Amino acid sequence: MKLKVGDKVRVMVGKDKGKEGTITHTFKSENKVIVSGINMVKKHIKPNNNNTTGGIIDVEAKIDASNVMIIDNKTNKVTRVYHELDNKTNKKVRVSKAHNKLD
């Protein structure tokens, strides 16, 4: 997966198409991410020690990683990401299609 926690992304498909947010959690084995403020669902909560009244709350649900695209820092447009070997440090770095380093 080419997405990391803290990346700014835009939703490309679904009910929240066009909205932007930052990734708060990634699920690499499922190829899913949680984006702040995106894909909100209702969850019913029973009364317990923390929440004495219970009720219905809004929670962010997982969204497939293929439905979001990363936003380039310099151009502020969505872009594809690939990995490239850095010659100086000999480590893999993420690079946008416009050849801007993301890490």
PDB file of N, CA and C in Angstrom:
ATOM      1  N   MET A   1       0.842  -1.175   0.000  1.00  0.00           N
ATOM      2  CA  MET A   1       0.000   0.000   0.000  1.00  0.00           C
ATOM      3  C   MET A   1       0.888   1.239   0.000  1.00  0.00           C
ATOM      4  N   LYS A   2       0.551   2.194  -0.820  1.00  0.00           N
ATOM      5  CA  LYS A   2       1.375   3.389  -0.971  1.00  0.00           C
ATOM      6  C   LYS A   2       0.880   4.560  -0.132  1.00  0.00           C
ATOM      7  N   LEU A   3      -0.095   4.314   0.729  1.00  0.00           N
ATOM      8  CA  LEU A   3      -0.650   5.358   1.585  1.00  0.00           C
ATOM      9  C   LEU A   3      -0.151   5.170   3.008  1.00  0.00           C
ATOM     10  N   LYS A   4       0.045   6.289   3.698  1.00  0.00           N
ATOM     11  CA  LYS A   4       0.510   6.252   5.079  1.00  0.00           C
ATOM     12  C   LYS A   4      -0.386   7.126   5.949  1.00  0.00           C
ATOM     13  N   VAL A   5      -0.293   6.927   7.252  1.00  0.00           N
ATOM     14  CA  VAL A   5      -1.033   7.756   8.200  1.00  0.00           C
ATOM     15  C   VAL A   5      -0.520   9.187   8.093  1.00  0.00           C
ATOM     16  N   GLY A   6      -1.430  10.129   8.013  1.00  0.00           N
ATOM     17  CA  GLY A   6      -1.077  11.543   7.909  1.00  0.00           C
ATOM     18  C   GLY A   6      -1.106  12.085   6.500  1.00  0.00           C
ATOM     19  N   ASP A   7      -1.263  11.212   5.503  1.00  0.00           N
ATOM     20  CA  ASP A   7      -1.351  11.673   4.117  1.00  0.00           C
ATOM     21  C   ASP A   7      -2.676  12.376   3.882  1.00  0.00           C
ATOM     22  N   LYS A   8      -2.645  13.468   3.112  1.00  0.00           N
ATOM     23  CA  LYS A   8      -3.867  14.167   2.719  1.00  0.00           C
ATOM     24  C   LYS A   8      -4.371  13.516   1.441  1.00  0.00           C
ATOM     25  N   VAL A   9      -5.639  13.078   1.449  1.00  0.00           N
ATOM     26  CA  VAL A   9      -6.190  12.356   0.305  1.00  0.00           C
ATOM     27  C   VAL A   9      -7.537  12.952  -0.101  1.00  0.00           C
ATOM     28  N   ARG A  10      -7.940  12.647  -1.332  1.00  0.00           N
ATOM     29  CA  ARG A  10      -9.250  13.034  -1.849  1.00  0.00           C
ATOM     30  C   ARG A  10      -9.982  11.764  -2.263  1.00  0.00           C
ATOM     31  N   VAL A  11     -11.273  11.667  -1.914  1.00  0.00           N
ATOM     32  CA  VAL A  11     -12.085  10.511  -2.277  1.00  0.00           C
ATOM     33  C   VAL A  11     -12.501  10.659  -3.731  1.00  0.00           C
ATOM     34  N   MET A  12     -12.295   9.603  -4.514  1.00  0.00           N
ATOM     35  CA  MET A  12     -12.570   9.646  -5.946  1.00  0.00           C
ATOM     36  C   MET A  12     -13.864   8.925  -6.321  1.00  0.00           C
ATOM     37  N   VAL A  13     -14.362   8.033  -5.468  1.00  0.00           N
ATOM     38  CA  VAL A  13     -15.518   7.203  -5.784  1.00  0.00           C
ATOM     39  C   VAL A  13     -16.407   7.099  -4.551  1.00  0.00           C
ATOM     40  N   GLY A  14     -17.724   7.046  -4.758  1.00  0.00           N
ATOM     41  CA  GLY A  14     -18.644   6.779  -3.660  1.00  0.00           C
ATOM     42  C   GLY A  14     -19.441   7.987  -3.234  1.00  0.00           C
ATOM     43  N   LYS A  15     -20.113   7.833  -2.092  1.00  0.00           N
ATOM     44  CA  LYS A  15     -21.023   8.875  -1.623  1.00  0.00           C
ATOM     45  C   LYS A  15     -20.300  10.142  -1.184  1.00  0.00           C
ATOM     46  N   ASP A  16     -19.023  10.031  -0.812  1.00  0.00           N
ATOM     47  CA  ASP A  16     -18.246  11.183  -0.373  1.00  0.00           C
ATOM     48  C   ASP A  16     -17.278  11.672  -1.452  1.00  0.00           C
ATOM     49  N   LYS A  17     -17.600  11.433  -2.713  1.00  0.00           N
ATOM     50  CA  LYS A  17     -16.727  11.790  -3.831  1.00  0.00           C
ATOM     51  C   LYS A  17     -16.403  13.280  -3.808  1.00  0.00           C
ATOM     52  N   GLY A  18     -15.123  13.599  -3.928  1.00  0.00           N
ATOM     53  CA  GLY A  18     -14.670  14.987  -3.954  1.00  0.00           C
ATOM     54  C   GLY A  18     -14.257  15.538  -2.607  1.00  0.00           C
ATOM     55  N   LYS A  19     -14.588  14.865  -1.513  1.00  0.00           N
ATOM     56  CA  LYS A  19     -14.214  15.348  -0.186  1.00  0.00           C
ATOM     57  C   LYS A  19     -12.757  15.013   0.107  1.00  0.00           C
ATOM     58  N   GLU A  20     -12.145  15.849   0.953  1.00  0.00           N
ATOM     59  CA  GLU A  20     -10.748  15.654   1.316  1.00  0.00           C
ATOM     60  C   GLU A  20     -10.611  15.445   2.806  1.00  0.00           C
ATOM     61  N   GLY A  21      -9.573  14.710   3.191  1.00  0.00           N
ATOM     62  CA  GLY A  21      -9.286  14.472   4.593  1.00  0.00           C
ATOM     63  C   GLY A  21      -7.912  13.850   4.744  1.00  0.00           C
ATOM     64  N   THR A  22      -7.522  13.614   5.995  1.00  0.00           N
ATOM     65  CA  THR A  22      -6.232  12.986   6.253  1.00  0.00           C
ATOM     66  C   THR A  22      -6.446  11.567   6.756  1.00  0.00           C
ATOM     67  N   ILE A  23      -5.530  10.691   6.441  1.00  0.00           N
ATOM     68  CA  ILE A  23      -5.626   9.291   6.852  1.00  0.00           C
ATOM     69  C   ILE A  23      -5.268   9.186   8.330  1.00  0.00           C
ATOM     70  N   THR A  24      -6.151   8.547   9.106  1.00  0.00           N
ATOM     71  CA  THR A  24      -5.903   8.375  10.527  1.00  0.00           C
ATOM     72  C   THR A  24      -5.466   6.961  10.876  1.00  0.00           C
ATOM     73  N   HIS A  25      -5.813   5.988  10.038  1.00  0.00           N
ATOM     74  CA  HIS A  25      -5.458   4.598  10.313  1.00  0.00           C
ATOM     75  C   HIS A  25      -5.411   3.825   9.003  1.00  0.00           C
ATOM     76  N   THR A  26      -4.479   2.877   8.902  1.00  0.00           N
ATOM     77  CA  THR A  26      -4.396   2.036   7.710  1.00  0.00           C
ATOM     78  C   THR A  26      -4.525   0.571   8.100  1.00  0.00           C
ATOM     79  N   PHE A  27      -5.144  -0.212   7.233  1.00  0.00           N
ATOM     80  CA  PHE A  27      -5.284  -1.650   7.407  1.00  0.00           C
ATOM     81  C   PHE A  27      -4.639  -2.306   6.189  1.00  0.00           C
ATOM     82  N   LYS A  28      -3.355  -2.617   6.306  1.00  0.00           N
ATOM     83  CA  LYS A  28      -2.580  -3.080   5.164  1.00  0.00           C
ATOM     84  C   LYS A  28      -3.089  -4.413   4.619  1.00  0.00           C
ATOM     85  N   SER A  29      -3.448  -5.351   5.496  1.00  0.00           N
ATOM     86  CA  SER A  29      -3.881  -6.673   5.045  1.00  0.00           C
ATOM     87  C   SER A  29      -5.220  -6.610   4.307  1.00  0.00           C
ATOM     88  N   GLU A  30      -6.077  -5.659   4.666  1.00  0.00           N
ATOM     89  CA  GLU A  30      -7.384  -5.501   4.028  1.00  0.00           C
ATOM     90  C   GLU A  30      -7.354  -4.495   2.885  1.00  0.00           C
ATOM     91  N   ASN A  31      -6.249  -3.748   2.741  1.00  0.00           N
ATOM     92  CA  ASN A  31      -6.117  -2.682   1.756  1.00  0.00           C
ATOM     93  C   ASN A  31      -7.191  -1.611   1.954  1.00  0.00           C
ATOM     94  N   LYS A  32      -7.408  -1.225   3.222  1.00  0.00           N
ATOM     95  CA  LYS A  32      -8.405  -0.209   3.565  1.00  0.00           C
ATOM     96  C   LYS A  32      -7.772   0.856   4.454  1.00  0.00           C
ATOM     97  N   VAL A  33      -8.388   2.027   4.463  1.00  0.00           N
ATOM     98  CA  VAL A  33      -7.926   3.134   5.289  1.00  0.00           C
ATOM     99  C   VAL A  33      -9.123   3.794   5.965  1.00  0.00           C
ATOM    100  N   ILE A  34      -8.842   4.528   7.029  1.00  0.00           N
ATOM    101  CA  ILE A  34      -9.853   5.375   7.658  1.00  0.00           C
ATOM    102  C   ILE A  34      -9.414   6.815   7.456  1.00  0.00           C
ATOM    103  N   VAL A  35     -10.306   7.620   6.862  1.00  0.00           N
ATOM    104  CA  VAL A  35     -10.024   9.024   6.573  1.00  0.00           C
ATOM    105  C   VAL A  35     -10.910   9.877   7.477  1.00  0.00           C
ATOM    106  N   SER A  36     -10.316  10.907   8.078  1.00  0.00           N
ATOM    107  CA  SER A  36     -11.056  11.748   9.017  1.00  0.00           C
ATOM    108  C   SER A  36     -12.204  12.466   8.321  1.00  0.00           C
ATOM    109  N   GLY A  37     -13.411  12.309   8.863  1.00  0.00           N
ATOM    110  CA  GLY A  37     -14.592  12.993   8.357  1.00  0.00           C
ATOM    111  C   GLY A  37     -15.216  12.370   7.120  1.00  0.00           C
ATOM    112  N   ILE A  38     -14.726  11.231   6.662  1.00  0.00           N
ATOM    113  CA  ILE A  38     -15.212  10.584   5.442  1.00  0.00           C
ATOM    114  C   ILE A  38     -15.847   9.244   5.796  1.00  0.00           C
ATOM    115  N   ASN A  39     -16.890   8.857   5.050  1.00  0.00           N
ATOM    116  CA  ASN A  39     -17.578   7.576   5.207  1.00  0.00           C
ATOM    117  C   ASN A  39     -18.145   7.420   6.618  1.00  0.00           C
ATOM    118  N   MET A  40     -18.898   8.419   7.057  1.00  0.00           N
ATOM    119  CA  MET A  40     -19.491   8.400   8.393  1.00  0.00           C
ATOM    120  C   MET A  40     -20.698   7.460   8.405  1.00  0.00           C
ATOM    121  N   VAL A  41     -20.755   6.608   9.434  1.00  0.00           N
ATOM    122  CA  VAL A  41     -21.863   5.677   9.604  1.00  0.00           C
ATOM    123  C   VAL A  41     -22.422   5.833  11.018  1.00  0.00           C
ATOM    124  N   LYS A  42     -23.675   5.419  11.203  1.00  0.00           N
ATOM    125  CA  LYS A  42     -24.316   5.485  12.514  1.00  0.00           C
ATOM    126  C   LYS A  42     -23.997   4.207  13.284  1.00  0.00           C
ATOM    127  N   LYS A  43     -23.655   4.351  14.564  1.00  0.00           N
ATOM    128  CA  LYS A  43     -23.387   3.191  15.404  1.00  0.00           C
ATOM    129  C   LYS A  43     -24.225   3.314  16.664  1.00  0.00           C
ATOM    130  N   HIS A  44     -24.917   2.222  17.016  1.00  0.00           N
ATOM    131  CA  HIS A  44     -25.761   2.201  18.203  1.00  0.00           C
ATOM    132  C   HIS A  44     -24.929   1.754  19.393  1.00  0.00           C
ATOM    133  N   ILE A  45     -24.961   2.551  20.463  1.00  0.00           N
ATOM    134  CA  ILE A  45     -24.156   2.296  21.651  1.00  0.00           C
ATOM    135  C   ILE A  45     -25.071   1.982  22.829  1.00  0.00           C
ATOM    136  N   LYS A  46     -24.770   0.863  23.509  1.00  0.00           N
ATOM    137  CA  LYS A  46     -25.503   0.526  24.731  1.00  0.00           C
ATOM    138  C   LYS A  46     -24.996   1.377  25.888  1.00  0.00           C
ATOM    139  N   PRO A  47     -25.824   1.612  26.865  1.00  0.00           N
ATOM    140  CA  PRO A  47     -25.331   2.321  28.051  1.00  0.00           C
ATOM    141  C   PRO A  47     -24.261   1.490  28.770  1.00  0.00           C
ATOM    142  N   ASN A  48     -23.185   2.149  29.199  1.00  0.00           N
ATOM    143  CA  ASN A  48     -22.137   1.487  29.966  1.00  0.00           C
ATOM    144  C   ASN A  48     -21.540   2.484  30.943  1.00  0.00           C
ATOM    145  N   ASN A  49     -20.413   2.144  31.562  1.00  0.00           N
ATOM    146  CA  ASN A  49     -19.817   3.030  32.559  1.00  0.00           C
ATOM    147  C   ASN A  49     -19.347   4.349  31.958  1.00  0.00           C
ATOM    148  N   ASN A  50     -18.804   4.309  30.754  1.00  0.00           N
ATOM    149  CA  ASN A  50     -18.316   5.529  30.109  1.00  0.00           C
ATOM    150  C   ASN A  50     -19.451   6.387  29.570  1.00  0.00           C
ATOM    151  N   ASN A  51     -20.471   5.743  29.014  1.00  0.00           N
ATOM    152  CA  ASN A  51     -21.590   6.441  28.392  1.00  0.00           C
ATOM    153  C   ASN A  51     -22.878   5.953  29.050  1.00  0.00           C
ATOM    154  N   THR A  52     -23.376   6.682  30.023  1.00  0.00           N
ATOM    155  CA  THR A  52     -24.507   6.206  30.822  1.00  0.00           C
ATOM    156  C   THR A  52     -25.826   6.242  30.069  1.00  0.00           C
ATOM    157  N   THR A  53     -25.929   7.070  29.025  1.00  0.00           N
ATOM    158  CA  THR A  53     -27.210   7.174  28.325  1.00  0.00           C
ATOM    159  C   THR A  53     -27.292   6.281  27.100  1.00  0.00           C
ATOM    160  N   GLY A  54     -26.158   5.943  26.511  1.00  0.00           N
ATOM    161  CA  GLY A  54     -26.194   5.175  25.260  1.00  0.00           C
ATOM    162  C   GLY A  54     -26.622   6.084  24.127  1.00  0.00           C
ATOM    163  N   GLY A  55     -27.094   5.495  23.022  1.00  0.00           N
ATOM    164  CA  GLY A  55     -27.596   6.297  21.921  1.00  0.00           C
ATOM    165  C   GLY A  55     -26.949   5.947  20.597  1.00  0.00           C
ATOM    166  N   ILE A  56     -27.121   6.843  19.649  1.00  0.00           N
ATOM    167  CA  ILE A  56     -26.604   6.648  18.304  1.00  0.00           C
ATOM    168  C   ILE A  56     -25.525   7.694  18.044  1.00  0.00           C
ATOM    169  N   ILE A  57     -24.345   7.237  17.612  1.00  0.00           N
ATOM    170  CA  ILE A  57     -23.243   8.156  17.343  1.00  0.00           C
ATOM    171  C   ILE A  57     -22.752   7.969  15.908  1.00  0.00           C
ATOM    172  N   ASP A  58     -22.070   8.979  15.384  1.00  0.00           N
ATOM    173  CA  ASP A  58     -21.450   8.887  14.054  1.00  0.00           C
ATOM    174  C   ASP A  58     -20.010   8.431  14.210  1.00  0.00           C
ATOM    175  N   VAL A  59     -19.604   7.452  13.407  1.00  0.00           N
ATOM    176  CA  VAL A  59     -18.245   6.922  13.444  1.00  0.00           C
ATOM    177  C   VAL A  59     -17.702   6.869  12.015  1.00  0.00           C
ATOM    178  N   GLU A  60     -16.399   7.024  11.875  1.00  0.00           N
ATOM    179  CA  GLU A  60     -15.762   6.900  10.569  1.00  0.00           C
ATOM    180  C   GLU A  60     -15.543   5.425  10.274  1.00  0.00           C
ATOM    181  N   ALA A  61     -15.977   4.977   9.106  1.00  0.00           N
ATOM    182  CA  ALA A  61     -15.819   3.582   8.710  1.00  0.00           C
ATOM    183  C   ALA A  61     -14.660   3.455   7.726  1.00  0.00           C
ATOM    184  N   LYS A  62     -14.217   2.215   7.514  1.00  0.00           N
ATOM    185  CA  LYS A  62     -13.125   1.950   6.580  1.00  0.00           C
ATOM    186  C   LYS A  62     -13.579   2.242   5.157  1.00  0.00           C
ATOM    187  N   ILE A  63     -12.618   2.665   4.336  1.00  0.00           N
ATOM    188  CA  ILE A  63     -12.859   2.877   2.917  1.00  0.00           C
ATOM    189  C   ILE A  63     -11.708   2.216   2.167  1.00  0.00           C
ATOM    190  N   ASP A  64     -12.000   1.636   1.011  1.00  0.00           N
ATOM    191  CA  ASP A  64     -10.971   0.939   0.261  1.00  0.00           C
ATOM    192  C   ASP A  64      -9.907   1.926  -0.221  1.00  0.00           C
ATOM    193  N   ALA A  65      -8.659   1.492  -0.153  1.00  0.00           N
ATOM    194  CA  ALA A  65      -7.546   2.376  -0.522  1.00  0.00           C
ATOM    195  C   ALA A  65      -7.569   2.752  -1.992  1.00  0.00           C
ATOM    196  N   SER A  66      -8.201   1.920  -2.822  1.00  0.00           N
ATOM    197  CA  SER A  66      -8.255   2.239  -4.253  1.00  0.00           C
ATOM    198  C   SER A  66      -9.249   3.349  -4.551  1.00  0.00           C
ATOM    199  N   ASN A  67     -10.076   3.715  -3.594  1.00  0.00           N
ATOM    200  CA  ASN A  67     -11.078   4.766  -3.795  1.00  0.00           C
ATOM    201  C   ASN A  67     -10.576   6.152  -3.419  1.00  0.00           C
ATOM    202  N   VAL A  68      -9.342   6.243  -2.937  1.00  0.00           N
ATOM    203  CA  VAL A  68      -8.778   7.546  -2.575  1.00  0.00           C
ATOM    204  C   VAL A  68      -7.480   7.762  -3.343  1.00  0.00           C
ATOM    205  N   MET A  69      -7.158   9.046  -3.574  1.00  0.00           N
ATOM    206  CA  MET A  69      -5.887   9.404  -4.216  1.00  0.00           C
ATOM    207  C   MET A  69      -5.192  10.447  -3.359  1.00  0.00           C
ATOM    208  N   ILE A  70      -3.880  10.307  -3.292  1.00  0.00           N
ATOM    209  CA  ILE A  70      -3.083  11.210  -2.474  1.00  0.00           C
ATOM    210  C   ILE A  70      -2.990  12.579  -3.158  1.00  0.00           C
ATOM    211  N   ILE A  71      -2.931  13.631  -2.340  1.00  0.00           N
ATOM    212  CA  ILE A  71      -2.808  15.001  -2.851  1.00  0.00           C
ATOM    213  C   ILE A  71      -1.344  15.424  -2.727  1.00  0.00           C
ATOM    214  N   ASP A  72      -0.762  15.873  -3.829  1.00  0.00           N
ATOM    215  CA  ASP A  72       0.634  16.310  -3.857  1.00  0.00           C
ATOM    216  C   ASP A  72       0.775  17.602  -3.056  1.00  0.00           C
ATOM    217  N   ASN A  73       1.835  17.692  -2.267  1.00  0.00           N
ATOM    218  CA  ASN A  73       2.043  18.857  -1.402  1.00  0.00           C
ATOM    219  C   ASN A  73       2.299  20.127  -2.199  1.00  0.00           C
ATOM    220  N   LYS A  74       3.082  20.032  -3.255  1.00  0.00           N
ATOM    221  CA  LYS A  74       3.485  21.231  -3.997  1.00  0.00           C
ATOM    222  C   LYS A  74       2.406  21.720  -4.954  1.00  0.00           C
ATOM    223  N   THR A  75       1.799  20.800  -5.710  1.00  0.00           N
ATOM    224  CA  THR A  75       0.832  21.210  -6.726  1.00  0.00           C
ATOM    225  C   THR A  75      -0.594  21.262  -6.202  1.00  0.00           C
ATOM    226  N   ASN A  76      -0.861  20.644  -5.053  1.00  0.00           N
ATOM    227  CA  ASN A  76      -2.189  20.583  -4.431  1.00  0.00           C
ATOM    228  C   ASN A  76      -3.212  19.916  -5.354  1.00  0.00           C
ATOM    229  N   LYS A  77      -2.752  18.971  -6.180  1.00  0.00           N
ATOM    230  CA  LYS A  77      -3.622  18.187  -7.051  1.00  0.00           C
ATOM    231  C   LYS A  77      -3.447  16.711  -6.718  1.00  0.00           C
ATOM    232  N   VAL A  78      -4.465  15.908  -7.078  1.00  0.00           N
ATOM    233  CA  VAL A  78      -4.330  14.472  -6.846  1.00  0.00           C
ATOM    234  C   VAL A  78      -3.291  13.905  -7.803  1.00  0.00           C
ATOM    235  N   THR A  79      -2.594  12.884  -7.328  1.00  0.00           N
ATOM    236  CA  THR A  79      -1.522  12.319  -8.127  1.00  0.00           C
ATOM    237  C   THR A  79      -1.353  10.842  -7.799  1.00  0.00           C
ATOM    238  N   ARG A  80      -0.734  10.131  -8.716  1.00  0.00           N
ATOM    239  CA  ARG A  80      -0.380   8.741  -8.466  1.00  0.00           C
ATOM    240  C   ARG A  80       0.983   8.712  -7.795  1.00  0.00           C
ATOM    241  N   VAL A  81       1.238   7.618  -7.092  1.00  0.00           N
ATOM    242  CA  VAL A  81       2.463   7.507  -6.321  1.00  0.00           C
ATOM    243  C   VAL A  81       3.205   6.243  -6.738  1.00  0.00           C
ATOM    244  N   TYR A  82       4.510   6.338  -6.828  1.00  0.00           N
ATOM    245  CA  TYR A  82       5.329   5.155  -7.055  1.00  0.00           C
ATOM    246  C   TYR A  82       6.556   5.239  -6.154  1.00  0.00           C
ATOM    247  N   HIS A  83       7.278   4.141  -6.038  1.00  0.00           N
ATOM    248  CA  HIS A  83       8.469   4.097  -5.199  1.00  0.00           C
ATOM    249  C   HIS A  83       9.716   4.231  -6.065  1.00  0.00           C
ATOM    250  N   GLU A  84      10.708   4.904  -5.508  1.00  0.00           N
ATOM    251  CA  GLU A  84      11.967   5.115  -6.200  1.00  0.00           C
ATOM    252  C   GLU A  84      13.095   4.963  -5.190  1.00  0.00           C
ATOM    253  N   LEU A  85      14.245   4.500  -5.634  1.00  0.00           N
ATOM    254  CA  LEU A  85      15.396   4.327  -4.757  1.00  0.00           C
ATOM    255  C   LEU A  85      16.174   5.636  -4.679  1.00  0.00           C
ATOM    256  N   ASP A  86      16.375   6.131  -3.460  1.00  0.00           N
ATOM    257  CA  ASP A  86      17.142   7.362  -3.261  1.00  0.00           C
ATOM    258  C   ASP A  86      18.629   7.029  -3.338  1.00  0.00           C
ATOM    259  N   ASN A  87      19.356   7.716  -4.211  1.00  0.00           N
ATOM    260  CA  ASN A  87      20.767   7.397  -4.420  1.00  0.00           C
ATOM    261  C   ASN A  87      21.635   7.728  -3.209  1.00  0.00           C
ATOM    262  N   LYS A  88      21.309   8.782  -2.493  1.00  0.00           N
ATOM    263  CA  LYS A  88      22.143   9.210  -1.367  1.00  0.00           C
ATOM    264  C   LYS A  88      22.009   8.267  -0.176  1.00  0.00           C
ATOM    265  N   THR A  89      20.773   7.952   0.200  1.00  0.00           N
ATOM    266  CA  THR A  89      20.548   7.136   1.401  1.00  0.00           C
ATOM    267  C   THR A  89      20.327   5.661   1.098  1.00  0.00           C
ATOM    268  N   ASN A  90      20.150   5.312  -0.180  1.00  0.00           N
ATOM    269  CA  ASN A  90      19.895   3.927  -0.593  1.00  0.00           C
ATOM    270  C   ASN A  90      18.609   3.373   0.029  1.00  0.00           C
ATOM    271  N   LYS A  91      17.618   4.218   0.228  1.00  0.00           N
ATOM    272  CA  LYS A  91      16.327   3.802   0.772  1.00  0.00           C
ATOM    273  C   LYS A  91      15.234   4.086  -0.235  1.00  0.00           C
ATOM    274  N   LYS A  92      14.128   3.348  -0.079  1.00  0.00           N
ATOM    275  CA  LYS A  92      12.978   3.540  -0.947  1.00  0.00           C
ATOM    276  C   LYS A  92      12.185   4.754  -0.474  1.00  0.00           C
ATOM    277  N   VAL A  93      11.823   5.644  -1.398  1.00  0.00           N
ATOM    278  CA  VAL A  93      11.025   6.823  -1.064  1.00  0.00           C
ATOM    279  C   VAL A  93       9.817   6.877  -1.981  1.00  0.00           C
ATOM    280  N   ARG A  94       8.748   7.492  -1.496  1.00  0.00           N
ATOM    281  CA  ARG A  94       7.551   7.674  -2.314  1.00  0.00           C
ATOM    282  C   ARG A  94       7.695   8.931  -3.139  1.00  0.00           C
ATOM    283  N   VAL A  95       7.336   8.830  -4.418  1.00  0.00           N
ATOM    284  CA  VAL A  95       7.466   9.943  -5.340  1.00  0.00           C
ATOM    285  C   VAL A  95       6.167  10.073  -6.107  1.00  0.00           C
ATOM    286  N   SER A  96       5.711  11.330  -6.317  1.00  0.00           N
ATOM    287  CA  SER A  96       4.504  11.555  -7.103  1.00  0.00           C
ATOM    288  C   SER A  96       4.851  11.506  -8.584  1.00  0.00           C
ATOM    289  N   LYS A  97       3.833  11.439  -9.427  1.00  0.00           N
ATOM    290  CA  LYS A  97       4.058  11.388 -10.872  1.00  0.00           C
ATOM    291  C   LYS A  97       4.743  12.643 -11.390  1.00  0.00           C
ATOM    292  N   ALA A  98       4.622  13.758 -10.679  1.00  0.00           N
ATOM    293  CA  ALA A  98       5.301  14.995 -11.066  1.00  0.00           C
ATOM    294  C   ALA A  98       6.738  15.022 -10.526  1.00  0.00           C
ATOM    295  N   HIS A  99       7.211  13.890 -10.010  1.00  0.00           N
ATOM    296  CA  HIS A  99       8.569  13.718  -9.487  1.00  0.00           C
ATOM    297  C   HIS A  99       8.838  14.562  -8.257  1.00  0.00           C
ATOM    298  N   ASN A 100       7.818  14.770  -7.434  1.00  0.00           N
ATOM    299  CA  ASN A 100       7.988  15.448  -6.154  1.00  0.00           C
ATOM    300  C   ASN A 100       8.034  14.397  -5.060  1.00  0.00           C
ATOM    301  N   LYS A 101       9.043  14.470  -4.196  1.00  0.00           N
ATOM    302  CA  LYS A 101       9.161  13.507  -3.107  1.00  0.00           C
ATOM    303  C   LYS A 101       8.057  13.789  -2.088  1.00  0.00           C
ATOM    304  N   LEU A 102       7.429  12.720  -1.587  1.00  0.00           N
ATOM    305  CA  LEU A 102       6.337  12.865  -0.633  1.00  0.00           C
ATOM    306  C   LEU A 102       6.800  12.654   0.804  1.00  0.00           C
ATOM    307  N   ASP A 103       7.869  11.887   0.991  1.00  0.00           N
ATOM    308  CA  ASP A 103       8.338  11.602   2.360  1.00  0.00           C
ATOM    309  C   ASP A 103       9.368  12.593   2.811  1.00  0.00           C
TER     310      ASP A 103
END
